[in-house]
């Protein structure tokens, strides 16, 4: 099942307190970026983020889920209603995510 543009738009609206959020459509799903760094995505209308140290600390009870068959597990963000929490989460993650690779 592919994700809907409506759900993507909703998540982007919830992340509206942050600057430099972007996305890219990929095979019916959406990859999410902060400051050019991949931090998560929308998969089957679920908001999943990379299980980096800060995300695990802020969501210790979050279930790990597969975004798609053969992928690494990611953390499911269940509280998508709390805009302040989402801004804090993604900001904390941005600090520890690796810089984007330079294109050849």
N, C-alpha and C. Protein backbone atom coordinates (compact mmCIF):
# COMPACT_ATOMS: atom_id res chain seq x y z
N UNK A 1 0.84 -1.19 0.00
CA UNK A 1 0.00 0.00 0.00
C UNK A 1 0.88 1.25 0.00
N UNK A 2 0.66 2.13 -0.91
CA UNK A 2 1.43 3.37 -0.98
C UNK A 2 0.85 4.41 -0.01
N UNK A 3 1.66 5.37 0.34
CA UNK A 3 1.21 6.44 1.21
C UNK A 3 0.46 7.50 0.41
N UNK A 4 -0.44 8.20 1.08
CA UNK A 4 -1.21 9.23 0.40
C UNK A 4 -0.53 10.59 0.53
N UNK A 5 -0.75 11.41 -0.46
CA UNK A 5 -0.22 12.79 -0.42
C UNK A 5 -0.87 13.55 0.72
N UNK A 6 -2.12 13.25 1.04
CA UNK A 6 -2.81 13.91 2.16
C UNK A 6 -2.09 13.66 3.48
N UNK A 7 -1.66 12.41 3.71
CA UNK A 7 -0.95 12.10 4.96
C UNK A 7 0.40 12.80 4.98
N UNK A 8 1.11 12.82 3.86
CA UNK A 8 2.38 13.55 3.78
C UNK A 8 2.15 15.02 4.12
N UNK A 9 1.14 15.63 3.51
CA UNK A 9 0.85 17.05 3.77
C UNK A 9 0.55 17.29 5.24
N UNK A 10 -0.17 16.36 5.87
CA UNK A 10 -0.48 16.48 7.30
C UNK A 10 0.80 16.45 8.13
N UNK A 11 1.68 15.50 7.87
CA UNK A 11 2.93 15.41 8.63
C UNK A 11 3.79 16.64 8.39
N UNK A 12 3.87 17.11 7.16
CA UNK A 12 4.64 18.33 6.87
C UNK A 12 4.06 19.53 7.62
N UNK A 13 2.75 19.59 7.72
CA UNK A 13 2.11 20.66 8.49
C UNK A 13 2.49 20.54 9.97
N UNK A 14 2.49 19.33 10.48
CA UNK A 14 2.85 19.10 11.89
C UNK A 14 4.32 19.46 12.14
N UNK A 15 5.16 19.35 11.13
CA UNK A 15 6.58 19.70 11.25
C UNK A 15 6.83 21.17 10.90
N UNK A 16 5.77 21.94 10.78
CA UNK A 16 5.85 23.32 10.34
C UNK A 16 6.63 24.26 11.24
N UNK A 17 6.90 23.87 12.49
CA UNK A 17 7.69 24.71 13.38
C UNK A 17 9.18 24.68 13.01
N UNK A 18 9.55 23.73 12.17
CA UNK A 18 10.95 23.56 11.76
C UNK A 18 11.19 24.20 10.40
N UNK A 19 12.43 24.61 10.20
CA UNK A 19 12.83 25.11 8.89
C UNK A 19 13.65 24.04 8.19
N UNK A 20 13.77 24.15 6.91
CA UNK A 20 14.61 23.27 6.11
C UNK A 20 14.16 21.81 6.14
N UNK A 21 12.84 21.59 6.13
CA UNK A 21 12.28 20.25 5.98
C UNK A 21 11.91 20.08 4.51
N UNK A 22 12.31 18.96 3.94
CA UNK A 22 11.97 18.68 2.55
C UNK A 22 11.64 17.20 2.42
N UNK A 23 11.15 16.83 1.25
CA UNK A 23 10.81 15.44 1.02
C UNK A 23 11.06 15.08 -0.43
N UNK A 24 11.10 13.77 -0.67
CA UNK A 24 11.22 13.28 -2.04
C UNK A 24 10.35 12.04 -2.15
N UNK A 25 9.54 11.99 -3.19
CA UNK A 25 8.71 10.82 -3.44
C UNK A 25 9.59 9.71 -3.99
N UNK A 26 9.34 8.49 -3.48
CA UNK A 26 10.12 7.36 -3.95
C UNK A 26 9.27 6.09 -3.88
N UNK A 27 8.91 5.56 -5.02
CA UNK A 27 8.16 4.32 -5.13
C UNK A 27 6.88 4.31 -4.28
N UNK A 28 6.12 5.38 -4.34
CA UNK A 28 4.85 5.45 -3.62
C UNK A 28 4.96 5.85 -2.17
N UNK A 29 6.17 6.09 -1.71
CA UNK A 29 6.41 6.51 -0.33
C UNK A 29 7.14 7.85 -0.37
N UNK A 30 7.47 8.41 0.81
CA UNK A 30 8.11 9.72 0.87
C UNK A 30 9.27 9.69 1.86
N UNK A 31 10.44 10.11 1.39
CA UNK A 31 11.62 10.23 2.23
C UNK A 31 11.64 11.65 2.77
N UNK A 32 11.88 11.80 4.08
CA UNK A 32 11.89 13.12 4.71
C UNK A 32 13.32 13.54 5.07
N UNK A 33 13.61 14.82 4.85
CA UNK A 33 14.94 15.37 5.10
C UNK A 33 14.84 16.58 6.01
N UNK A 34 15.86 16.76 6.84
CA UNK A 34 16.04 17.99 7.61
C UNK A 34 17.47 18.45 7.33
N UNK A 35 17.63 19.68 6.90
CA UNK A 35 18.93 20.23 6.55
C UNK A 35 19.66 19.33 5.55
N UNK A 36 18.90 18.72 4.65
CA UNK A 36 19.48 17.85 3.63
C UNK A 36 19.82 16.45 4.12
N UNK A 37 19.54 16.15 5.38
CA UNK A 37 19.86 14.85 5.97
C UNK A 37 18.58 14.01 6.08
N UNK A 38 18.65 12.74 5.69
CA UNK A 38 17.50 11.86 5.81
C UNK A 38 17.27 11.56 7.29
N UNK A 39 16.06 11.84 7.77
CA UNK A 39 15.75 11.51 9.16
C UNK A 39 14.60 10.52 9.28
N UNK A 40 13.85 10.31 8.21
CA UNK A 40 12.73 9.38 8.29
C UNK A 40 11.93 9.39 7.01
N UNK A 41 10.68 8.96 7.14
CA UNK A 41 9.84 8.93 5.96
C UNK A 41 8.41 8.55 6.28
N UNK A 42 7.60 8.61 5.25
CA UNK A 42 6.20 8.20 5.33
C UNK A 42 6.10 6.90 4.55
N UNK A 43 5.74 5.84 5.25
CA UNK A 43 5.64 4.50 4.66
C UNK A 43 4.28 3.92 5.03
N UNK A 44 3.47 3.59 4.04
CA UNK A 44 2.13 3.04 4.29
C UNK A 44 1.35 3.91 5.28
N UNK A 45 1.44 5.22 5.08
CA UNK A 45 0.78 6.20 5.95
C UNK A 45 1.18 6.05 7.42
N UNK A 46 2.44 5.73 7.63
CA UNK A 46 3.03 5.71 8.97
C UNK A 46 4.23 6.64 8.94
N UNK A 47 4.43 7.43 10.00
CA UNK A 47 5.57 8.31 10.12
C UNK A 47 6.65 7.56 10.89
N UNK A 48 7.73 7.19 10.19
CA UNK A 48 8.83 6.45 10.78
C UNK A 48 10.09 7.29 10.76
N UNK A 49 10.91 7.17 11.80
CA UNK A 49 12.18 7.89 11.86
C UNK A 49 13.31 6.92 12.14
N UNK A 50 14.52 7.35 11.79
CA UNK A 50 15.70 6.52 12.03
C UNK A 50 15.86 6.32 13.54
N UNK A 51 16.32 5.15 13.95
CA UNK A 51 16.46 4.87 15.38
C UNK A 51 17.79 5.37 15.95
N UNK A 52 18.07 6.65 15.77
CA UNK A 52 19.30 7.22 16.32
C UNK A 52 19.13 7.42 17.82
N UNK A 53 20.25 7.66 18.51
CA UNK A 53 20.26 7.73 19.97
C UNK A 53 19.23 8.72 20.53
N UNK A 54 19.17 9.91 19.96
CA UNK A 54 18.24 10.93 20.48
C UNK A 54 16.79 10.50 20.30
N UNK A 55 16.46 9.89 19.17
CA UNK A 55 15.09 9.44 18.93
C UNK A 55 14.70 8.34 19.90
N UNK A 56 15.62 7.40 20.14
CA UNK A 56 15.35 6.32 21.10
C UNK A 56 15.14 6.88 22.51
N UNK A 57 15.95 7.88 22.86
CA UNK A 57 15.84 8.48 24.19
C UNK A 57 14.51 9.22 24.36
N UNK A 58 14.05 9.88 23.31
CA UNK A 58 12.82 10.66 23.40
C UNK A 58 11.56 9.81 23.25
N UNK A 59 11.71 8.63 22.64
CA UNK A 59 10.57 7.72 22.44
C UNK A 59 10.96 6.30 22.87
N UNK A 60 11.25 6.10 24.15
CA UNK A 60 11.75 4.79 24.59
C UNK A 60 10.76 3.65 24.40
N UNK A 61 9.49 3.94 24.33
CA UNK A 61 8.47 2.89 24.18
C UNK A 61 8.01 2.71 22.73
N UNK A 62 8.58 3.48 21.82
CA UNK A 62 8.14 3.44 20.41
C UNK A 62 8.44 2.07 19.80
N UNK A 63 7.48 1.52 19.10
CA UNK A 63 7.72 0.23 18.43
C UNK A 63 8.63 0.40 17.21
N UNK A 64 9.41 -0.64 16.96
CA UNK A 64 10.26 -0.68 15.77
C UNK A 64 9.44 -1.36 14.67
N UNK A 65 9.43 -0.76 13.49
CA UNK A 65 8.66 -1.31 12.37
C UNK A 65 9.49 -1.25 11.10
N UNK A 66 9.19 -2.17 10.20
CA UNK A 66 9.84 -2.17 8.89
C UNK A 66 9.12 -1.20 7.97
N UNK A 67 9.85 -0.29 7.34
CA UNK A 67 9.20 0.61 6.39
C UNK A 67 8.73 -0.15 5.15
N UNK A 68 9.52 -1.13 4.73
CA UNK A 68 9.19 -1.98 3.58
C UNK A 68 10.04 -3.24 3.69
N UNK A 69 9.67 -4.26 2.95
CA UNK A 69 10.36 -5.54 2.99
C UNK A 69 11.84 -5.38 2.65
N UNK A 70 12.71 -5.90 3.50
CA UNK A 70 14.14 -5.86 3.26
C UNK A 70 14.84 -4.64 3.83
N UNK A 71 14.10 -3.71 4.41
CA UNK A 71 14.69 -2.49 4.97
C UNK A 71 15.07 -2.70 6.44
N UNK A 72 15.84 -1.77 6.97
CA UNK A 72 16.15 -1.78 8.40
C UNK A 72 14.95 -1.23 9.16
N UNK A 73 14.78 -1.71 10.39
CA UNK A 73 13.67 -1.24 11.20
C UNK A 73 13.86 0.23 11.58
N UNK A 74 12.72 0.90 11.72
CA UNK A 74 12.70 2.30 12.12
C UNK A 74 11.72 2.47 13.26
N UNK A 75 11.80 3.61 13.93
CA UNK A 75 10.89 3.90 15.04
C UNK A 75 9.59 4.50 14.51
N UNK A 76 8.47 3.98 15.00
CA UNK A 76 7.17 4.53 14.64
C UNK A 76 6.86 5.72 15.55
N UNK A 77 6.58 6.86 14.94
CA UNK A 77 6.18 8.04 15.70
C UNK A 77 4.67 7.96 15.86
N UNK A 78 4.23 7.69 17.08
CA UNK A 78 2.80 7.52 17.33
C UNK A 78 2.10 8.83 17.66
N UNK A 79 2.81 9.75 18.32
CA UNK A 79 2.20 11.02 18.73
C UNK A 79 2.48 12.09 17.68
N UNK A 80 1.77 12.02 16.56
CA UNK A 80 1.98 12.99 15.50
C UNK A 80 1.15 14.26 15.71
N UNK A 81 0.36 14.30 16.78
CA UNK A 81 -0.47 15.48 17.08
C UNK A 81 0.33 16.59 17.77
N UNK A 82 1.40 16.23 18.47
CA UNK A 82 2.16 17.17 19.30
C UNK A 82 3.26 17.83 18.46
N UNK A 83 2.96 18.99 17.92
CA UNK A 83 3.90 19.70 17.03
C UNK A 83 5.19 20.08 17.72
N UNK A 84 5.11 20.49 18.99
CA UNK A 84 6.31 20.88 19.73
C UNK A 84 7.23 19.68 19.93
N UNK A 85 6.64 18.53 20.28
CA UNK A 85 7.43 17.32 20.44
C UNK A 85 8.11 16.94 19.13
N UNK A 86 7.38 16.99 18.03
CA UNK A 86 7.94 16.64 16.73
C UNK A 86 9.10 17.57 16.37
N UNK A 87 8.96 18.85 16.64
CA UNK A 87 10.03 19.81 16.35
C UNK A 87 11.26 19.49 17.19
N UNK A 88 11.04 19.19 18.46
CA UNK A 88 12.15 18.85 19.35
C UNK A 88 12.83 17.55 18.90
N UNK A 89 12.03 16.57 18.54
CA UNK A 89 12.56 15.28 18.09
C UNK A 89 13.43 15.44 16.85
N UNK A 90 12.92 16.08 15.83
CA UNK A 90 13.65 16.20 14.57
C UNK A 90 14.88 17.10 14.75
N UNK A 91 14.77 18.13 15.56
CA UNK A 91 15.94 19.00 15.82
C UNK A 91 17.04 18.22 16.51
N UNK A 92 16.69 17.42 17.49
CA UNK A 92 17.69 16.61 18.20
C UNK A 92 18.33 15.61 17.24
N UNK A 93 17.51 15.00 16.39
CA UNK A 93 18.04 14.03 15.43
C UNK A 93 18.99 14.69 14.44
N UNK A 94 18.66 15.90 14.01
CA UNK A 94 19.47 16.60 13.00
C UNK A 94 20.90 16.79 13.47
N UNK A 95 21.07 16.97 14.77
CA UNK A 95 22.41 17.20 15.31
C UNK A 95 23.29 15.96 15.21
N UNK A 96 22.70 14.77 15.27
CA UNK A 96 23.53 13.57 15.24
C UNK A 96 23.52 12.80 13.92
N UNK A 97 22.68 13.22 12.99
CA UNK A 97 22.66 12.56 11.67
C UNK A 97 23.89 12.97 10.86
N UNK A 98 24.43 12.06 10.05
CA UNK A 98 25.58 12.40 9.23
C UNK A 98 25.21 13.41 8.15
N UNK A 99 26.20 14.19 7.76
CA UNK A 99 25.99 15.16 6.67
C UNK A 99 25.69 14.40 5.38
N UNK A 100 24.90 15.01 4.50
CA UNK A 100 24.60 14.33 3.24
C UNK A 100 25.87 14.13 2.42
N UNK A 101 25.91 13.04 1.67
CA UNK A 101 27.06 12.75 0.82
C UNK A 101 27.08 13.71 -0.36
N UNK A 102 28.28 14.08 -0.76
CA UNK A 102 28.41 14.93 -1.93
C UNK A 102 28.20 14.10 -3.18
N UNK A 103 27.44 14.65 -4.12
CA UNK A 103 27.20 13.95 -5.39
C UNK A 103 28.42 14.07 -6.28
N UNK A 104 28.68 12.99 -7.00
CA UNK A 104 29.83 13.00 -7.92
C UNK A 104 29.52 13.73 -9.19
